[in-house]
Amino acid sequence: MEAHRVLVMATAPLYHRLVLMGEPPDPLVVEYAVRDAVSAVTPG
């Protein structure tokens, strides 16, 4: 998977909450986004 796609995938939930909805950052959303991005690039 190319790096740009991983970056977009990892930051999309954060962008949606912070920019589009104007909500404060949620640590759980950040944790889930990072975990999902790592899972996407980990073989297996």
N, C-alpha and C. Protein backbone atom coordinates (compact mmCIF):
# COMPACT_ATOMS: atom_id res chain seq x y z
N MET A 1 0.87 -1.17 0.00
CA MET A 1 0.00 0.00 0.00
C MET A 1 0.91 1.23 0.00
N GLU A 2 0.61 2.19 -0.83
CA GLU A 2 1.46 3.37 -0.90
C GLU A 2 1.27 4.27 0.32
N ALA A 3 2.32 5.01 0.64
CA ALA A 3 2.34 5.81 1.87
C ALA A 3 1.24 6.86 1.92
N HIS A 4 0.93 7.48 0.80
CA HIS A 4 -0.10 8.53 0.78
C HIS A 4 -1.46 7.96 1.17
N ARG A 5 -1.80 6.80 0.65
CA ARG A 5 -3.08 6.18 0.98
C ARG A 5 -3.16 5.83 2.46
N VAL A 6 -2.06 5.35 3.02
CA VAL A 6 -2.03 5.02 4.45
C VAL A 6 -2.21 6.29 5.28
N LEU A 7 -1.54 7.36 4.90
CA LEU A 7 -1.67 8.63 5.62
C LEU A 7 -3.10 9.14 5.57
N VAL A 8 -3.72 9.10 4.41
CA VAL A 8 -5.10 9.57 4.28
C VAL A 8 -6.03 8.70 5.13
N MET A 9 -5.83 7.39 5.06
CA MET A 9 -6.67 6.48 5.82
C MET A 9 -6.51 6.71 7.33
N ALA A 10 -5.29 6.96 7.77
CA ALA A 10 -5.04 7.13 9.20
C ALA A 10 -5.58 8.44 9.73
N THR A 11 -5.60 9.46 8.90
CA THR A 11 -6.01 10.78 9.38
C THR A 11 -7.45 11.14 9.05
N ALA A 12 -8.13 10.36 8.24
CA ALA A 12 -9.50 10.68 7.86
C ALA A 12 -10.45 10.82 9.04
N PRO A 13 -10.44 9.90 10.01
CA PRO A 13 -11.35 10.07 11.15
C PRO A 13 -11.04 11.34 11.96
N LEU A 14 -9.76 11.64 12.08
CA LEU A 14 -9.37 12.84 12.81
C LEU A 14 -9.81 14.09 12.07
N TYR A 15 -9.57 14.12 10.77
CA TYR A 15 -9.98 15.26 9.94
C TYR A 15 -11.49 15.47 10.02
N HIS A 16 -12.23 14.39 9.94
CA HIS A 16 -13.69 14.46 9.98
C HIS A 16 -14.17 15.10 11.28
N ARG A 17 -13.63 14.63 12.40
CA ARG A 17 -14.07 15.16 13.70
C ARG A 17 -13.61 16.59 13.94
N LEU A 18 -12.31 16.85 13.66
CA LEU A 18 -11.74 18.16 13.99
C LEU A 18 -12.17 19.25 13.03
N VAL A 19 -12.10 18.98 11.74
CA VAL A 19 -12.33 20.02 10.74
C VAL A 19 -13.80 20.08 10.33
N LEU A 20 -14.36 18.96 9.96
CA LEU A 20 -15.73 18.97 9.43
C LEU A 20 -16.78 19.16 10.52
N MET A 21 -16.58 18.49 11.66
CA MET A 21 -17.58 18.57 12.73
C MET A 21 -17.22 19.60 13.79
N GLY A 22 -15.98 20.07 13.81
CA GLY A 22 -15.56 21.08 14.79
C GLY A 22 -15.51 20.57 16.21
N GLU A 23 -15.28 19.29 16.39
CA GLU A 23 -15.23 18.71 17.73
C GLU A 23 -13.80 18.73 18.26
N PRO A 24 -13.66 18.69 19.58
CA PRO A 24 -12.30 18.60 20.15
C PRO A 24 -11.71 17.21 19.88
N PRO A 25 -10.39 17.10 19.94
CA PRO A 25 -9.75 15.80 19.70
C PRO A 25 -10.20 14.77 20.73
N ASP A 26 -10.36 13.56 20.29
CA ASP A 26 -10.74 12.45 21.16
C ASP A 26 -9.59 11.44 21.14
N PRO A 27 -8.94 11.20 22.27
CA PRO A 27 -7.80 10.28 22.30
C PRO A 27 -8.12 8.88 21.77
N LEU A 28 -9.34 8.41 21.98
CA LEU A 28 -9.70 7.08 21.48
C LEU A 28 -9.74 7.05 19.96
N VAL A 29 -10.23 8.11 19.34
CA VAL A 29 -10.27 8.16 17.88
C VAL A 29 -8.85 8.14 17.32
N VAL A 30 -7.95 8.87 17.97
CA VAL A 30 -6.55 8.87 17.55
C VAL A 30 -5.96 7.48 17.68
N GLU A 31 -6.21 6.83 18.79
CA GLU A 31 -5.67 5.48 19.01
C GLU A 31 -6.21 4.50 17.97
N TYR A 32 -7.50 4.54 17.71
CA TYR A 32 -8.09 3.64 16.71
C TYR A 32 -7.53 3.91 15.32
N ALA A 33 -7.36 5.17 14.96
CA ALA A 33 -6.84 5.52 13.64
C ALA A 33 -5.41 4.99 13.46
N VAL A 34 -4.60 5.14 14.49
CA VAL A 34 -3.23 4.65 14.41
C VAL A 34 -3.21 3.12 14.33
N ARG A 35 -3.99 2.48 15.15
CA ARG A 35 -4.05 1.02 15.14
C ARG A 35 -4.50 0.48 13.78
N ASP A 36 -5.52 1.11 13.21
CA ASP A 36 -6.02 0.66 11.91
C ASP A 36 -5.00 0.89 10.81
N ALA A 37 -4.27 2.00 10.86
CA ALA A 37 -3.25 2.27 9.85
C ALA A 37 -2.12 1.26 9.94
N VAL A 38 -1.71 0.93 11.16
CA VAL A 38 -0.65 -0.05 11.33
C VAL A 38 -1.12 -1.42 10.85
N SER A 39 -2.35 -1.77 11.13
CA SER A 39 -2.90 -3.05 10.67
C SER A 39 -2.93 -3.11 9.14
N ALA A 40 -3.20 -2.00 8.52
CA ALA A 40 -3.29 -1.97 7.05
C ALA A 40 -1.95 -2.22 6.37
N VAL A 41 -0.87 -1.84 7.02
CA VAL A 41 0.44 -2.00 6.38
C VAL A 41 1.24 -3.17 6.92
N THR A 42 0.69 -3.88 7.91
CA THR A 42 1.37 -5.03 8.47
C THR A 42 1.01 -6.27 7.65
N PRO A 43 2.04 -6.98 7.15
CA PRO A 43 1.75 -8.19 6.38
C PRO A 43 1.02 -9.24 7.23
N GLY A 44 0.15 -9.97 6.58
CA GLY A 44 -0.48 -11.08 7.26
C GLY A 44 -1.87 -10.85 7.47
